[in-house]
């Protein structure tokens, strides 16, 4: 017999003693076998059947965390950040997500791409110096519009600042 056969047997026992727990255990075993076989999609599907059982939720977060690390190593910061958010609560997933969003924002800032930088920094409010750089890049973008004698555009850009920044 296989684990799947055991699962079917436990399911057929209804309320008998520990049959429900044993049934969930078989799903868990199948999910862990999928993890061991590097079938993370299959593992996620199986873990979805047993939320809260044993450490299924932590295993799901670990899968997403590991995927996010691989995406980041491939330079896919946005995908990595989104995937790290699925691992929220696992290790340093939140910090890693913020770093993935911060990296392209920082590049936009350093290359003086003040049109892209504000939106990128806006994804990580309160993280490091993101708020200050978002505000500064909006102001720099408006200065560029003024230098190009495009006052309407400059005004539109400045209107994106919060009300407390009206002195800009």
Protein backbone atom coordinates (compact mmCIF):
# COMPACT_ATOMS: atom_id res chain seq x y z
CA UNK A 1 0.00 0.00 0.00
CA UNK A 2 0.93 3.58 -0.62
CA UNK A 3 0.40 6.72 1.39
CA UNK A 4 -2.47 7.61 -0.94
CA UNK A 5 -4.10 4.22 -0.21
CA UNK A 6 -3.69 4.82 3.52
CA UNK A 7 -5.23 8.27 3.15
CA UNK A 8 -8.27 6.79 1.41
CA UNK A 9 -8.59 4.14 4.12
CA UNK A 10 -8.40 6.70 6.95
CA UNK A 11 -10.96 8.89 5.18
CA UNK A 12 -13.37 5.96 4.94
CA UNK A 13 -13.22 5.40 8.72
CA UNK A 14 -15.15 8.60 9.40
CA UNK A 15 -15.09 9.55 13.10
CA UNK A 16 -13.33 6.41 14.30
CA UNK A 17 -10.66 7.24 16.91
CA UNK A 18 -7.75 9.13 15.32
CA UNK A 19 -8.80 8.58 11.71
CA UNK A 20 -9.17 12.32 10.98
CA UNK A 21 -5.70 13.09 12.32
CA UNK A 22 -4.20 10.11 10.51
CA UNK A 23 -5.94 11.22 7.31
CA UNK A 24 -4.34 14.68 7.63
CA UNK A 25 -1.00 13.05 8.40
CA UNK A 26 -1.10 11.18 5.09
CA UNK A 27 -1.60 14.47 3.23
CA UNK A 28 1.31 15.89 5.19
CA UNK A 29 3.53 12.93 4.32
CA UNK A 30 2.63 13.29 0.63
CA UNK A 31 3.43 17.01 0.77
CA UNK A 32 6.78 16.39 2.43
CA UNK A 33 7.60 13.74 -0.18
CA UNK A 34 6.86 16.35 -2.85
CA UNK A 35 9.21 18.79 -1.10
CA UNK A 36 11.95 16.15 -1.00
CA UNK A 37 11.42 15.52 -4.72
CA UNK A 38 11.72 19.29 -5.45
CA UNK A 39 8.08 19.34 -6.58
CA UNK A 40 7.28 22.54 -4.74
CA UNK A 41 4.13 23.23 -6.80
CA UNK A 42 2.80 19.82 -5.86
CA UNK A 43 3.79 20.35 -2.24
CA UNK A 44 1.96 23.69 -2.14
CA UNK A 45 -1.20 22.03 -3.51
CA UNK A 46 -0.99 19.28 -0.90
CA UNK A 47 -0.24 21.65 1.99
CA UNK A 48 -3.24 23.74 0.92
CA UNK A 49 -5.42 20.74 1.85
CA UNK A 50 -4.19 20.76 5.44
CA UNK A 51 -3.70 24.36 6.65
CA UNK A 52 -2.67 24.49 10.28
CA UNK A 53 -1.79 20.79 10.47
CA UNK A 54 1.58 20.13 12.04
CA UNK A 55 3.97 22.69 10.51
CA UNK A 56 2.25 22.85 7.09
CA UNK A 57 1.96 26.64 7.22
CA UNK A 58 5.67 27.03 8.02
CA UNK A 59 6.55 24.61 5.21
CA UNK A 60 4.53 26.73 2.75
CA UNK A 61 6.33 29.88 3.89
CA UNK A 62 9.70 28.13 3.57
CA UNK A 63 8.88 27.10 -0.02
CA UNK A 64 7.97 30.69 -0.91
CA UNK A 65 11.03 32.05 0.88
CA UNK A 66 13.36 29.69 -0.99
CA UNK A 67 11.69 30.61 -4.30
CA UNK A 68 12.10 34.30 -3.52
CA UNK A 69 15.80 33.85 -2.74
CA UNK A 70 16.28 32.13 -6.11
CA UNK A 71 14.38 34.89 -7.93
CA UNK A 72 16.48 37.55 -6.23
CA UNK A 73 19.68 35.75 -7.21
CA UNK A 74 18.41 35.83 -10.82
CA UNK A 75 18.00 39.61 -10.51
CA UNK A 76 14.20 39.42 -10.60
CA UNK A 77 13.69 41.84 -7.71
CA UNK A 78 10.00 42.59 -8.23
CA UNK A 79 9.02 38.92 -8.48
CA UNK A 80 11.25 38.12 -5.52
CA UNK A 81 9.68 40.88 -3.42
CA UNK A 82 6.17 39.65 -4.20
CA UNK A 83 7.20 36.09 -3.35
CA UNK A 84 8.89 37.17 -0.11
CA UNK A 85 5.58 38.75 0.91
CA UNK A 86 3.97 35.29 0.60
CA UNK A 87 6.54 34.09 3.16
CA UNK A 88 5.65 36.83 5.65
CA UNK A 89 6.57 35.76 9.16
CA UNK A 90 9.24 33.33 8.00
CA UNK A 91 12.79 34.30 8.96
CA UNK A 92 13.50 37.80 7.56
CA UNK A 93 11.03 37.64 4.66
CA UNK A 94 9.64 41.15 5.24
CA UNK A 95 13.12 42.71 5.28
CA UNK A 96 14.08 40.76 2.18
CA UNK A 97 10.95 41.95 0.37
CA UNK A 98 11.75 45.55 1.29
CA UNK A 99 15.33 45.11 0.07
CA UNK A 100 14.06 43.75 -3.25
CA UNK A 101 11.85 46.81 -3.70
CA UNK A 102 14.60 49.14 -2.46
CA UNK A 103 17.27 47.92 -4.91
CA UNK A 104 15.61 49.16 -8.15
CA UNK A 105 14.44 52.34 -6.40
CA UNK A 106 18.01 53.01 -5.32
CA UNK A 107 19.28 52.44 -8.87
CA UNK A 108 16.67 54.88 -10.19
CA UNK A 109 17.81 57.42 -7.58
CA UNK A 110 21.51 56.95 -8.31
CA UNK A 111 20.98 57.25 -12.08
CA UNK A 112 18.83 60.34 -11.52
CA UNK A 113 15.75 58.70 -13.01
CA UNK A 114 13.47 60.94 -11.02
CA UNK A 115 10.40 59.94 -13.01
CA UNK A 116 10.62 56.28 -11.91
CA UNK A 117 12.11 56.71 -8.45
CA UNK A 118 9.05 58.12 -6.62
CA UNK A 119 6.79 55.20 -7.53
CA UNK A 120 9.50 52.69 -6.65
CA UNK A 121 10.20 54.25 -3.25
CA UNK A 122 6.44 54.49 -2.61
CA UNK A 123 6.31 50.67 -2.45
CA UNK A 124 8.32 50.71 0.79
CA UNK A 125 7.07 53.55 3.01
CA UNK A 126 9.06 53.92 6.19
CA UNK A 127 11.87 51.66 5.00
CA UNK A 128 15.34 53.13 5.41
CA UNK A 129 15.42 56.49 3.61
CA UNK A 130 12.67 55.64 1.11
CA UNK A 131 10.32 58.41 2.28
CA UNK A 132 13.01 61.09 2.02
CA UNK A 133 14.21 59.88 -1.37
CA UNK A 134 10.67 59.62 -2.70
CA UNK A 135 10.01 63.25 -1.73
CA UNK A 136 13.38 64.42 -3.04
CA UNK A 137 12.95 62.64 -6.38
CA UNK A 138 9.50 64.21 -6.84
CA UNK A 139 11.03 67.64 -6.22
CA UNK A 140 13.95 66.91 -8.58
CA UNK A 141 11.50 65.76 -11.25
CA UNK A 142 9.56 69.02 -10.85
CA UNK A 143 12.81 71.01 -11.11
CA UNK A 144 13.59 69.27 -14.39
CA UNK A 145 10.13 70.18 -15.70
CA UNK A 146 10.67 73.81 -14.66
CA UNK A 147 14.08 73.86 -16.39
CA UNK A 148 12.29 72.63 -19.52
CA UNK A 149 9.79 75.47 -19.04
CA UNK A 150 6.95 72.98 -18.55
CA UNK A 151 5.30 74.61 -15.56
CA UNK A 152 2.06 72.67 -15.93
CA UNK A 153 3.97 69.38 -15.66
CA UNK A 154 5.97 70.70 -12.70
CA UNK A 155 2.76 71.62 -10.90
CA UNK A 156 1.24 68.20 -11.63
CA UNK A 157 4.37 66.53 -10.27
CA UNK A 158 4.39 68.65 -7.12
CA UNK A 159 0.71 67.92 -6.52
CA UNK A 160 1.67 64.29 -5.92
CA UNK A 161 3.41 65.33 -2.69
CA UNK A 162 1.41 64.98 0.53
CA UNK A 163 -0.28 68.15 1.82
CA UNK A 164 2.33 68.60 4.59
CA UNK A 165 4.94 69.05 1.83
CA UNK A 166 3.10 71.99 0.24
CA UNK A 167 6.09 74.24 0.93
CA UNK A 168 8.14 72.40 -1.71
